[in-house]
Amino acid sequence: MGIRRNILRLLALLFAFSMIAAACGGSDSDSDSSSGEASSSSSEAAEAEEEGEEEDTGGTLSQDAIEKAVSGDDDGAEAVEEVASDCPVDRSTVEGIFAEADCSRDEIIAMITAKMDAGEWGVNSDNHLIGPAGMEVDLNACPADWSNTTGLTDTQLRFGQTTVQSGNLAAYGNLSLGMQIWFDYVDSLDVLSGRDIEFIIKDDGYVAAQTIEYVDELIESENVFLLQGLGSPNGLAVYDKINEECIPHPFYLSGHPAWGDPVKHPWTTSYQMSYSTEAVLWGTWIKVNLADELPVKVAGLVMDNDFGLAYEMGFEAYVENNPDVVSEYLPVRHDPAAPTLTNEVTTISAFDPDVFISMTAGNPCLLAIQEVESSGLLDRIEAAFTPSVCKGIAAYLAPAGMAADNWWVVGGGLKDTTDSKNMEEPFIKFLRQLMTDAGEDPNISLTGDGACRGLEFTEAFRIADGLPGGMSRTNLMLALRNFKIYHPGLLDGLVTELSGNADAYFIEGSEYSQFDADNQTWVMVGDVVDANGGTPNCAWDKANGGCR
């Protein structure tokens, strides 16, 4: 089949392919997203609202954006204001990585401070928070009792999180454990003006109704400074309320495209690559690597909730726009709490697909790998994909044994701290030692992932703390919406950035990898694809087709 050889053609050919614009928009037109407009400014968004129009941006990379990324000519959206940097760059040691971070942080603080001192950014006389790239948040719309410093004391920064630590997706609770390990390390450095991070975790069991209850509790009783959560249906259930309450809600633990909505939901920010973009990259892989067999039949195992829907809508739109690539697509939904997937995989097997894509999360990812192999389907298909949220080796691939061999992933750029090829990297080695020193198992992928995700929080905290007036909710939002760091937990070649209303997605790139079960490692095939600034904003409207 020559799959490994074929994928090497990907980067040279990717711009020629139809990277659909309506990846989370169902059957919506792709004309807006393929126009080359990477994002809209706040003034454009306001004009659209005034005229009663809804712009269908699709919430995924446009053809122009990916073409620019591949060619190296990526102007993207309006970028973070650049400053001349004299920062040392030595990433061969963890000391060098931290020295670069210290210097870069100081430069960002100096740049934002200059803007605030000049009256260009910050809270103006109309009580509007002004920031880069059209950022404008009306603080008059916040609750009457809202405070810029709720959750802050002389000794504490109160950080509330709702997450899953029980049930079918309990493995994701290790993310919180890893974040706590990282925050304990940061506390030991005493770098937040004498404050420790008080990390308050509520186990919602991946039940949206419980998430709502706990968010209310964290706001009204725990008086938290900021909030974070996990899970697409859970986040969608509360992000309206959190934004109405004017509480920072950064780096949400989900790749749902809805987190890229800086105009209507300015207090919420994304972290990982959008699921809808991931869906398009699946289609691109199929077009390149199965070129001699097109069009092909594809089956998707879809978790029956808002998480799975984002994937399903993204891939369905790709299919609709690329009938020469996919002739038939069968989505088979499953109950998130289902103990087995035998019936669903039997249905898929009877469909006789050429490609199988798992669009699920948590333990069902492992079940999918096992069921596809035991059903005999794995021997008949050209390729099987597991989703980026289930690339963890220790949690999902290792327990599956040889059944996981040669599975593919659009990985989203995160390094697995348990992957043998990463373990000697300075930062990964440092994280593994932190986990060991904390008495935790360093061979749990999601714990390491959580520690990695703690880094961007504390960088944002330290920037906010260094701004005029010190730590506050508005200073944190200025830091977040003007945020560009080198993240040592991501693959080299990926740019991480948030910029006002222009660039709402922190990570906009990925790699293609295939699992080597013998050596328990992901083997990257081809180069990293980064399209920073190219993902259009997404005002999520489920009832009308997704992203608007």
Protein backbone atom coordinates (compact mmCIF):
# COMPACT_ATOMS: atom_id res chain seq x y z
CA MET A 1 0.00 0.00 0.00
CA GLY A 2 2.93 2.35 0.52
CA ILE A 3 1.19 4.34 3.24
CA ARG A 4 4.38 5.57 4.86
CA ARG A 5 5.75 6.72 1.49
CA ASN A 6 2.50 8.32 0.47
CA ILE A 7 2.07 10.48 3.53
CA LEU A 8 5.43 12.07 2.86
CA ARG A 9 3.73 13.69 -0.10
CA LEU A 10 1.27 15.38 2.22
CA LEU A 11 2.99 18.64 2.90
CA ALA A 12 3.81 19.23 -0.76
CA LEU A 13 0.28 18.52 -1.89
CA LEU A 14 -1.84 19.73 0.99
CA PHE A 15 -2.58 23.16 -0.45
CA ALA A 16 -4.18 21.61 -3.49
CA PHE A 17 -6.83 19.83 -1.54
CA SER A 18 -10.19 21.11 -0.51
CA MET A 19 -9.86 21.96 3.13
CA ILE A 20 -13.53 22.61 3.65
CA ALA A 21 -14.68 25.75 5.31
CA ALA A 22 -17.74 24.44 7.07
CA ALA A 23 -16.08 21.72 9.10
CA CYS A 24 -18.35 22.24 12.10
CA GLY A 25 -21.18 23.75 10.11
CA GLY A 26 -22.99 20.69 8.80
CA SER A 27 -24.25 21.48 5.31
CA ASP A 28 -23.56 25.20 5.56
CA SER A 29 -21.82 26.87 2.64
CA ASP A 30 -18.03 26.91 2.65
CA SER A 31 -17.73 30.19 0.79
CA ASP A 32 -16.92 32.41 3.74
CA SER A 33 -14.16 30.32 5.25
CA SER A 34 -12.40 29.67 1.96
CA SER A 35 -12.27 33.34 1.11
CA GLY A 36 -8.91 33.77 2.81
CA GLU A 37 -10.27 35.75 5.71
CA ALA A 38 -8.60 34.15 8.72
CA SER A 39 -10.63 36.07 11.26
CA SER A 40 -12.88 39.04 11.73
CA SER A 41 -12.20 42.09 13.84
CA SER A 42 -14.49 43.17 16.63
CA SER A 43 -15.81 46.02 14.50
CA GLU A 44 -16.71 43.62 11.68
CA ALA A 45 -18.43 41.33 14.16
CA ALA A 46 -20.38 44.26 15.58
CA GLU A 47 -21.46 45.37 12.12
CA ALA A 48 -22.66 41.85 11.30
CA GLU A 49 -24.70 41.76 14.49
CA GLU A 50 -26.22 45.17 13.76
CA GLU A 51 -27.23 44.02 10.30
CA GLY A 52 -28.69 40.80 11.70
CA GLU A 53 -26.21 38.71 9.73
CA GLU A 54 -24.40 35.62 10.89
CA GLU A 55 -21.05 34.94 9.29
CA ASP A 56 -20.45 31.25 8.70
CA THR A 57 -16.74 30.91 9.36
CA GLY A 58 -16.81 27.16 9.83
CA GLY A 59 -14.44 27.05 12.78
CA THR A 60 -11.64 25.27 10.94
CA LEU A 61 -8.64 26.05 8.79
CA SER A 62 -9.45 27.57 5.45
CA GLN A 63 -7.81 26.44 2.22
CA ASP A 64 -5.91 29.72 2.02
CA ALA A 65 -4.69 29.41 5.58
CA ILE A 66 -3.37 25.89 5.16
CA GLU A 67 -1.82 26.82 1.81
CA LYS A 68 0.08 29.66 3.46
CA ALA A 69 1.14 27.42 6.33
CA VAL A 70 2.51 24.77 4.00
CA SER A 71 4.26 27.26 1.71
CA GLY A 72 5.82 29.10 4.63
CA ASP A 73 4.10 32.33 3.60
CA ASP A 74 1.65 32.50 6.49
CA ASP A 75 0.59 36.02 7.32
CA GLY A 76 -2.35 34.60 9.26
CA ALA A 77 -4.52 36.80 11.39
CA GLU A 78 -3.30 39.86 13.21
CA ALA A 79 -0.51 38.61 15.41
CA VAL A 80 0.55 39.42 18.94
CA GLU A 81 2.38 42.70 18.99
CA GLU A 82 5.98 41.80 18.39
CA VAL A 83 8.90 43.17 20.34
CA ALA A 84 12.54 43.00 19.48
CA SER A 85 13.93 40.12 21.48
CA ASP A 86 17.39 39.66 22.87
CA CYS A 87 16.35 36.61 24.85
CA PRO A 88 18.79 33.71 25.01
CA VAL A 89 17.70 30.56 23.25
CA ASP A 90 19.19 27.39 24.70
CA ARG A 91 16.66 24.57 24.74
CA SER A 92 19.20 21.85 25.38
CA THR A 93 18.75 22.16 29.16
CA VAL A 94 15.75 22.85 31.36
CA GLU A 95 17.68 25.79 32.84
CA GLY A 96 18.02 27.26 29.37
CA ILE A 97 14.30 26.74 28.66
CA PHE A 98 13.34 28.53 31.89
CA ALA A 99 15.81 31.37 31.26
CA GLU A 100 14.23 31.95 27.84
CA ALA A 101 10.77 31.92 29.44
CA ASP A 102 11.83 34.47 32.08
CA CYS A 103 13.19 36.80 29.44
CA SER A 104 10.21 36.44 27.09
CA ARG A 105 7.80 37.02 29.96
CA ASP A 106 9.60 40.24 30.92
CA GLU A 107 9.39 41.46 27.33
CA ILE A 108 5.65 40.77 27.12
CA ILE A 109 5.07 42.55 30.44
CA ALA A 110 7.06 45.55 29.24
CA MET A 111 5.13 45.75 25.97
CA ILE A 112 1.68 45.47 27.57
CA THR A 113 2.68 47.95 30.31
CA ALA A 114 3.73 50.49 27.68
CA LYS A 115 0.33 50.12 26.00
CA MET A 116 -1.44 50.55 29.33
CA ASP A 117 0.66 53.57 30.29
CA ALA A 118 -0.17 55.13 26.92
CA GLY A 119 -3.89 54.63 27.56
CA GLU A 120 -4.27 52.30 24.56
CA TRP A 121 -5.02 49.14 26.55
CA GLY A 122 -6.57 48.45 29.91
CA VAL A 123 -9.83 49.60 31.49
CA ASN A 124 -10.84 52.93 29.95
CA SER A 125 -13.09 55.72 31.23
CA ASP A 126 -16.16 53.95 29.84
CA ASN A 127 -15.31 50.87 31.92
CA HIS A 128 -14.41 48.86 28.85
CA LEU A 129 -11.42 46.54 28.84
CA ILE A 130 -9.42 47.30 25.69
CA GLY A 131 -6.72 45.02 24.34
CA PRO A 132 -5.02 43.88 21.14
CA ALA A 133 -6.62 43.10 17.78
CA GLY A 134 -10.05 44.61 18.43
CA MET A 135 -10.43 43.25 21.96
CA GLU A 136 -13.12 45.16 23.83
CA VAL A 137 -15.07 43.84 26.81
CA ASP A 138 -17.86 45.91 28.36
CA LEU A 139 -17.36 45.57 32.11
CA ASN A 140 -20.61 47.47 32.69
CA ALA A 141 -22.38 44.26 31.66
CA CYS A 142 -20.81 42.36 34.55
CA PRO A 143 -22.89 41.68 37.69
CA ALA A 144 -23.32 44.64 40.01
CA ASP A 145 -21.31 42.90 42.74
CA TRP A 146 -18.51 41.86 40.39
CA SER A 147 -14.99 42.46 41.63
CA ASN A 148 -11.72 42.49 39.73
CA THR A 149 -9.99 40.74 42.60
CA THR A 150 -12.51 38.13 43.78
CA GLY A 151 -10.61 34.99 44.72
CA LEU A 152 -7.40 36.81 45.56
CA THR A 153 -5.97 37.21 49.05
CA ASP A 154 -2.52 38.15 50.19
CA THR A 155 -1.61 34.47 50.23
CA GLN A 156 -3.95 32.74 47.75
CA LEU A 157 -5.14 32.68 44.15
CA ARG A 158 -8.30 30.56 44.13
CA PHE A 159 -8.57 28.46 40.96
CA GLY A 160 -11.75 26.40 40.48
CA GLN A 161 -12.00 23.43 38.17
CA THR A 162 -14.83 21.05 37.24
CA THR A 163 -13.64 17.80 35.73
CA VAL A 164 -14.26 14.08 35.52
CA GLN A 165 -12.63 11.83 38.12
CA SER A 166 -15.17 9.01 38.13
CA GLY A 167 -17.07 6.96 35.59
CA ASN A 168 -16.16 5.92 32.06
CA LEU A 169 -13.87 8.90 31.47
CA ALA A 170 -12.22 8.88 34.90
CA ALA A 171 -8.74 8.60 33.38
CA TYR A 172 -8.94 12.29 32.49
CA GLY A 173 -8.82 13.04 36.20
CA ASN A 174 -5.08 12.53 35.91
CA LEU A 175 -4.92 15.84 34.06
CA SER A 176 -5.91 17.59 37.28
CA LEU A 177 -3.34 15.60 39.22
CA GLY A 178 -0.62 16.72 36.82
CA MET A 179 -1.75 20.34 37.03
CA GLN A 180 -1.64 20.18 40.83
CA ILE A 181 1.90 18.80 40.70
CA TRP A 182 2.94 21.70 38.47
CA PHE A 183 1.19 24.29 40.67
CA ASP A 184 2.90 22.87 43.78
CA TYR A 185 6.22 23.33 42.00
CA VAL A 186 5.36 26.93 41.08
CA ASP A 187 4.25 27.61 44.66
CA SER A 188 7.66 26.45 45.86
CA LEU A 189 9.26 29.18 43.72
CA ASP A 190 7.16 31.95 45.34
CA VAL A 191 6.80 33.91 42.08
CA LEU A 192 3.22 35.20 42.42
CA SER A 193 3.73 38.03 44.92
CA GLY A 194 3.46 35.72 47.90
CA ARG A 195 0.36 33.90 46.64
CA ASP A 196 -0.01 30.15 46.32
CA ILE A 197 -2.40 28.63 43.79
CA GLU A 198 -5.33 27.09 45.67
CA PHE A 199 -6.56 24.52 43.15
CA ILE A 200 -10.15 23.54 43.97
CA ILE A 201 -11.29 20.49 42.00
CA LYS A 202 -14.89 19.26 41.69
CA ASP A 203 -15.62 15.85 40.20
CA ASP A 204 -18.62 16.26 37.90
CA GLY A 205 -18.39 12.73 36.51
CA TYR A 206 -18.69 14.15 32.99
CA VAL A 207 -22.35 14.96 33.75
CA ALA A 208 -23.32 18.43 32.52
CA ALA A 209 -26.03 18.91 35.18
CA GLN A 210 -23.41 18.30 37.85
CA THR A 211 -21.05 20.72 36.15
CA ILE A 212 -23.71 23.44 36.37
CA GLU A 213 -24.19 22.79 40.08
CA TYR A 214 -20.47 22.86 40.83
CA VAL A 215 -19.83 25.99 38.77
CA ASP A 216 -22.52 27.75 40.81
CA GLU A 217 -20.86 26.52 43.98
CA LEU A 218 -17.39 27.61 42.90
CA ILE A 219 -18.67 31.09 42.03
CA GLU A 220 -21.04 31.69 44.92
CA SER A 221 -19.43 29.78 47.80
CA GLU A 222 -15.80 29.24 46.89
CA ASN A 223 -15.36 32.75 45.44
CA VAL A 224 -12.83 31.62 42.84
CA PHE A 225 -10.68 33.99 40.83
CA LEU A 226 -10.93 31.91 37.65
CA LEU A 227 -12.55 28.73 36.39
CA GLN A 228 -11.61 25.89 34.11
CA GLY A 229 -13.37 22.71 33.07
CA LEU A 230 -13.18 19.58 30.97
CA GLY A 231 -15.54 18.12 28.41
CA SER A 232 -17.45 19.65 25.50
CA PRO A 233 -21.01 19.09 26.77
CA ASN A 234 -19.97 20.27 30.21
CA GLY A 235 -18.35 23.45 28.93
CA LEU A 236 -21.23 24.30 26.63
CA ALA A 237 -23.59 23.99 29.59
CA VAL A 238 -21.82 26.70 31.60
CA TYR A 239 -19.78 28.98 29.36
CA ASP A 240 -22.67 31.42 28.84
CA LYS A 241 -23.01 31.82 32.62
CA ILE A 242 -19.27 32.10 33.23
CA ASN A 243 -18.98 34.84 30.60
CA GLU A 244 -22.02 36.67 31.98
CA GLU A 245 -20.35 36.56 35.39
CA CYS A 246 -17.13 37.98 33.84
CA ILE A 247 -14.90 35.28 35.27
CA PRO A 248 -11.72 34.25 33.42
CA HIS A 249 -12.24 30.82 31.86
CA PRO A 250 -8.97 30.02 30.10
CA PHE A 251 -7.44 27.05 28.33
CA TYR A 252 -10.55 24.90 28.45
CA LEU A 253 -9.78 21.16 28.44
CA SER A 254 -11.49 20.30 25.18
CA GLY A 255 -10.92 20.97 21.50
CA HIS A 256 -14.50 21.98 20.77
CA PRO A 257 -14.47 24.85 18.24
CA ALA A 258 -16.86 26.88 20.44
CA TRP A 259 -13.97 28.05 22.62
CA GLY A 260 -12.81 30.26 19.75
CA ASP A 261 -15.41 33.00 20.23
CA PRO A 262 -13.64 36.10 21.61
CA VAL A 263 -16.48 38.49 20.71
CA LYS A 264 -19.47 36.80 22.37
CA HIS A 265 -17.49 34.76 24.91
CA PRO A 266 -14.39 36.88 25.60
CA TRP A 267 -13.66 35.33 29.00
CA THR A 268 -13.26 31.81 27.56
CA THR A 269 -10.13 30.76 25.68
CA SER A 270 -9.11 27.58 23.92
CA TYR A 271 -6.06 25.39 24.36
CA GLN A 272 -5.86 22.41 22.06
CA MET A 273 -6.50 22.22 18.32
CA SER A 274 -10.14 22.38 17.25
CA TYR A 275 -11.84 19.02 16.73
CA SER A 276 -13.32 20.30 13.48
CA THR A 277 -9.85 20.98 12.13
CA GLU A 278 -8.78 17.51 13.21
CA ALA A 279 -11.68 16.09 11.20
CA VAL A 280 -10.53 17.91 8.08
CA LEU A 281 -7.00 16.57 8.51
CA TRP A 282 -8.39 13.02 8.59
CA GLY A 283 -9.97 13.69 5.22
CA THR A 284 -6.74 15.13 3.88
CA TRP A 285 -4.82 12.02 4.94
CA ILE A 286 -7.32 9.82 3.12
CA LYS A 287 -7.07 11.88 -0.07
CA VAL A 288 -3.28 11.70 -0.14
CA ASN A 289 -2.62 8.17 1.06
CA LEU A 290 -5.47 6.32 -0.59
CA ALA A 291 -5.33 8.23 -3.86
CA ASP A 292 -5.39 5.06 -5.95
CA GLU A 293 -8.51 3.77 -4.22
CA LEU A 294 -10.72 6.85 -4.11
CA PRO A 295 -13.50 7.34 -3.37
CA VAL A 296 -13.55 5.24 -0.21
CA LYS A 297 -16.04 4.25 2.45
CA VAL A 298 -15.48 5.65 5.96
CA ALA A 299 -17.11 4.65 9.24
CA GLY A 300 -16.99 6.73 12.42
CA LEU A 301 -17.62 5.58 15.98
CA VAL A 302 -19.14 8.72 17.50
CA MET A 303 -19.67 9.49 21.16
CA ASP A 304 -23.30 10.58 21.40
CA ASN A 305 -22.88 14.04 22.92
CA ASP A 306 -21.61 17.51 22.00
CA PHE A 307 -18.03 16.25 21.96
CA GLY A 308 -18.71 13.60 19.36
CA LEU A 309 -21.01 15.95 17.45
CA ALA A 310 -18.17 18.41 16.82
CA TYR A 311 -16.16 15.63 15.22
CA GLU A 312 -19.14 14.20 13.34
CA MET A 313 -20.26 17.53 11.90
CA GLY A 314 -16.71 18.37 10.87
CA PHE A 315 -16.18 15.15 8.99
CA GLU A 316 -19.65 15.13 7.45
CA ALA A 317 -18.99 18.57 5.99
CA TYR A 318 -15.69 17.34 4.56
CA VAL A 319 -17.51 14.40 2.96
CA GLU A 320 -20.19 16.64 1.49
CA ASN A 321 -17.57 18.87 -0.06
CA ASN A 322 -15.31 16.05 -1.23
CA PRO A 323 -17.44 13.31 -2.82
CA ASP A 324 -14.43 12.30 -4.90
CA VAL A 325 -12.65 11.36 -1.67
CA VAL A 326 -15.39 9.70 0.41
CA SER A 327 -18.20 7.90 -1.39
CA GLU A 328 -20.06 6.79 1.75
CA TYR A 329 -19.81 7.80 5.39
CA LEU A 330 -21.49 5.91 8.23
CA PRO A 331 -21.49 7.50 11.69
CA VAL A 332 -22.44 5.08 14.45
CA ARG A 333 -23.15 6.73 17.78
CA HIS A 334 -22.59 5.18 21.19
CA ASP A 335 -23.66 5.93 24.74
CA PRO A 336 -20.73 7.60 26.59
CA ALA A 337 -21.40 5.30 29.56
CA ALA A 338 -21.64 2.09 27.53
CA PRO A 339 -19.54 -0.74 29.03
CA THR A 340 -18.97 -2.34 25.61
CA LEU A 341 -18.95 -1.30 21.96
CA THR A 342 -19.59 -4.73 20.46
CA ASN A 343 -22.91 -3.86 18.83
CA GLU A 344 -21.61 -0.62 17.38
CA VAL A 345 -18.48 -2.22 15.92
CA THR A 346 -20.57 -5.09 14.52
CA THR A 347 -22.67 -2.53 12.65
CA ILE A 348 -19.55 -0.81 11.37
CA SER A 349 -17.98 -4.10 10.32
CA ALA A 350 -21.09 -5.00 8.29
CA PHE A 351 -20.75 -1.66 6.49
CA ASP A 352 -17.32 -2.88 5.30
CA PRO A 353 -15.49 0.47 5.42
CA ASP A 354 -12.08 1.23 3.97
CA VAL A 355 -11.21 3.58 6.86
CA PHE A 356 -12.33 3.55 10.49
CA ILE A 357 -12.24 6.71 12.63
CA SER A 358 -12.80 6.69 16.38
CA MET A 359 -14.56 9.91 17.43
CA THR A 360 -14.86 9.09 21.09
CA ALA A 361 -13.04 9.72 24.36
CA GLY A 362 -11.86 8.06 27.56
CA ASN A 363 -12.24 4.32 28.06
CA PRO A 364 -14.29 3.91 24.85
CA CYS A 365 -11.08 4.71 22.94
CA LEU A 366 -9.47 1.59 24.36
CA LEU A 367 -12.64 -0.41 23.80
CA ALA A 368 -12.76 0.74 20.17
CA ILE A 369 -9.20 -0.44 19.51
CA GLN A 370 -9.91 -3.80 21.12
CA GLU A 371 -13.27 -4.33 19.40
CA VAL A 372 -12.01 -3.35 15.94
CA GLU A 373 -9.22 -5.88 16.26
CA SER A 374 -11.30 -8.71 17.73
CA SER A 375 -14.04 -8.27 15.11
CA GLY A 376 -11.55 -8.86 12.31
CA LEU A 377 -12.26 -5.40 10.91
CA LEU A 378 -8.68 -4.24 11.46
CA ASP A 379 -7.40 -6.81 8.98
CA ARG A 380 -9.75 -5.57 6.25
CA ILE A 381 -9.41 -1.81 6.41
CA GLU A 382 -6.76 0.48 4.97
CA ALA A 383 -6.35 2.61 8.09
CA ALA A 384 -7.75 3.16 11.57
CA PHE A 385 -7.59 6.50 13.46
CA THR A 386 -7.84 7.14 17.17
CA PRO A 387 -8.67 10.75 18.19
CA SER A 388 -6.11 13.21 19.53
CA VAL A 389 -7.70 13.08 22.98
CA CYS A 390 -6.77 9.38 23.18
CA LYS A 391 -3.16 9.40 22.02
CA GLY A 392 -1.88 8.67 25.54
CA ILE A 393 0.21 5.52 25.39
CA ALA A 394 -0.14 4.33 28.97
CA ALA A 395 -3.88 5.00 29.13
CA TYR A 396 -5.08 3.75 25.74
CA LEU A 397 -2.45 2.18 23.50
CA ALA A 398 -0.42 0.00 25.87
CA PRO A 399 -3.46 -1.75 27.39
CA ALA A 400 -4.60 -2.66 23.89
CA GLY A 401 -1.37 -4.55 23.19
CA MET A 402 -0.68 -5.42 19.56
CA ALA A 403 -4.26 -4.49 18.63
CA ALA A 404 -3.05 -0.86 18.68
CA ASP A 405 -0.23 -1.49 16.22
CA ASN A 406 -0.23 0.80 13.16
CA TRP A 407 -3.19 2.91 14.30
CA TRP A 408 -2.98 6.54 13.17
CA VAL A 409 -3.55 9.80 14.99
CA VAL A 410 -3.78 13.48 14.12
CA GLY A 411 -2.03 14.21 17.37
CA GLY A 412 -2.50 17.94 17.92
CA GLY A 413 1.17 18.51 18.66
CA LEU A 414 1.33 17.46 22.33
CA LYS A 415 4.33 15.41 23.42
CA ASP A 416 3.54 12.26 25.37
CA THR A 417 5.67 12.23 28.52
CA THR A 418 5.59 8.41 28.51
CA ASP A 419 6.79 8.00 24.93
CA SER A 420 10.30 6.58 24.88
CA LYS A 421 11.49 9.02 22.22
CA ASN A 422 10.61 12.01 24.45
CA MET A 423 11.85 10.87 27.84
CA GLU A 424 15.35 12.34 27.54
CA GLU A 425 14.17 15.75 26.40
CA PRO A 426 15.07 18.25 29.14
CA PHE A 427 11.57 19.50 29.89
CA ILE A 428 9.92 16.08 29.68
CA LYS A 429 12.62 14.62 31.91
CA PHE A 430 12.00 17.47 34.37
CA LEU A 431 8.24 16.79 34.43
CA ARG A 432 8.78 13.09 35.00
CA GLN A 433 11.02 13.90 37.96
CA LEU A 434 8.38 16.27 39.38
CA MET A 435 5.81 13.47 39.20
CA THR A 436 8.19 11.02 40.84
CA ASP A 437 9.08 13.46 43.62
CA ALA A 438 5.35 13.98 44.25
CA GLY A 439 4.93 10.23 44.74
CA GLU A 440 3.00 9.78 41.49
CA ASP A 441 3.57 7.39 38.62
CA PRO A 442 5.48 9.19 35.81
CA ASN A 443 4.27 6.59 33.32
CA ILE A 444 0.72 7.88 33.19
CA SER A 445 0.43 9.96 30.04
CA LEU A 446 -2.42 12.17 31.22
CA THR A 447 -0.62 13.14 34.43
CA GLY A 448 2.30 14.39 32.38
CA ASP A 449 -0.11 16.11 30.00
CA GLY A 450 -1.70 17.91 32.95
CA ALA A 451 1.66 19.13 34.19
CA CYS A 452 2.37 20.46 30.69
CA ARG A 453 -0.96 22.29 30.71
CA GLY A 454 -0.15 23.87 34.05
CA LEU A 455 2.71 25.75 32.42
CA GLU A 456 0.61 28.08 30.26
CA PHE A 457 -1.60 28.97 33.24
CA THR A 458 1.32 30.00 35.41
CA GLU A 459 2.95 31.94 32.58
CA ALA A 460 -0.29 33.90 32.15
CA PHE A 461 -0.52 34.41 35.93
CA ARG A 462 3.03 35.74 36.09
CA ILE A 463 2.46 38.14 33.20
CA ALA A 464 -0.75 39.46 34.80
CA ASP A 465 1.00 39.83 38.16
CA GLY A 466 3.70 41.95 36.55
CA LEU A 467 1.32 44.45 34.94
CA PRO A 468 0.35 47.82 36.46
CA GLY A 469 -1.99 47.18 39.38
CA GLY A 470 -0.77 43.62 39.79
CA MET A 471 -2.92 40.50 39.65
CA SER A 472 -6.53 41.07 38.63
CA ARG A 473 -9.09 39.49 36.37
CA THR A 474 -8.72 42.20 33.72
CA ASN A 475 -4.94 41.99 33.78
CA LEU A 476 -5.19 38.23 33.40
CA MET A 477 -7.39 38.69 30.33
CA LEU A 478 -4.89 41.16 28.86
CA ALA A 479 -2.18 38.58 29.42
CA LEU A 480 -4.25 35.78 27.87
CA ARG A 481 -5.39 37.73 24.82
CA ASN A 482 -1.83 38.82 24.12
CA PHE A 483 -0.11 35.54 24.77
CA LYS A 484 2.67 33.91 22.81
CA ILE A 485 5.13 31.53 24.42
CA TYR A 486 7.54 28.79 23.51
CA HIS A 487 5.89 25.70 24.99
CA PRO A 488 8.42 22.90 25.56
CA GLY A 489 5.60 20.37 25.94
CA LEU A 490 4.64 20.78 22.26
CA LEU A 491 6.37 19.65 19.10
CA ASP A 492 8.94 22.03 17.72
CA GLY A 493 7.48 23.96 14.81
CA LEU A 494 4.14 24.71 16.46
CA VAL A 495 3.44 28.33 17.36
CA THR A 496 1.24 28.96 20.39
CA GLU A 497 -0.61 32.23 20.34
CA LEU A 498 -3.73 34.11 21.38
CA SER A 499 -4.32 37.62 20.08
CA GLY A 500 -7.40 39.65 20.95
CA ASN A 501 -10.31 39.04 18.60
CA ALA A 502 -8.04 37.99 15.75
CA ASP A 503 -6.47 34.73 16.87
CA ALA A 504 -8.71 32.79 19.22
CA TYR A 505 -7.09 29.35 19.02
CA PHE A 506 -3.94 28.70 21.04
CA ILE A 507 -2.78 25.67 19.05
CA GLU A 508 -3.54 25.43 15.32
CA GLY A 509 -1.42 22.63 14.05
CA SER A 510 -0.64 18.96 14.34
CA GLU A 511 1.43 16.03 13.24
CA TYR A 512 0.45 12.69 11.71
CA SER A 513 1.75 9.74 13.68
CA GLN A 514 1.44 5.95 13.52
CA PHE A 515 1.71 3.73 16.58
CA ASP A 516 4.53 1.22 16.88
CA ALA A 517 3.26 -1.28 19.44
CA ASP A 518 6.55 -3.23 19.59
CA ASN A 519 8.44 -0.17 20.79
CA GLN A 520 5.49 1.59 22.47
CA THR A 521 6.00 4.83 20.61
CA TRP A 522 4.23 7.14 18.17
CA VAL A 523 6.22 7.48 14.94
CA MET A 524 5.68 10.86 13.31
CA VAL A 525 5.31 10.58 9.54
CA GLY A 526 5.98 13.76 7.59
CA ASP A 527 6.48 17.20 9.13
CA VAL A 528 4.53 19.30 11.58
CA VAL A 529 1.79 21.36 9.93
CA ASP A 530 1.21 24.69 11.64
CA ALA A 531 -1.31 27.31 10.52
CA ASN A 532 -1.14 29.79 13.37
CA GLY A 533 -3.74 32.52 13.00
CA GLY A 534 -5.59 30.67 10.26
CA THR A 535 -8.53 29.16 12.15
CA PRO A 536 -11.64 31.35 11.87
CA ASN A 537 -13.53 32.26 15.01
CA CYS A 538 -16.53 30.12 15.89
CA ALA A 539 -19.74 31.48 17.39
CA TRP A 540 -21.24 28.08 18.16
CA ASP A 541 -24.86 27.63 17.13
CA LYS A 542 -25.73 23.96 17.38
CA ALA A 543 -29.34 24.47 16.29
CA ASN A 544 -28.27 26.12 13.03
CA GLY A 545 -25.38 23.97 11.95
CA GLY A 546 -22.50 24.69 14.31
CA CYS A 547 -20.05 27.50 13.79
CA ARG A 548 -21.36 30.82 12.59
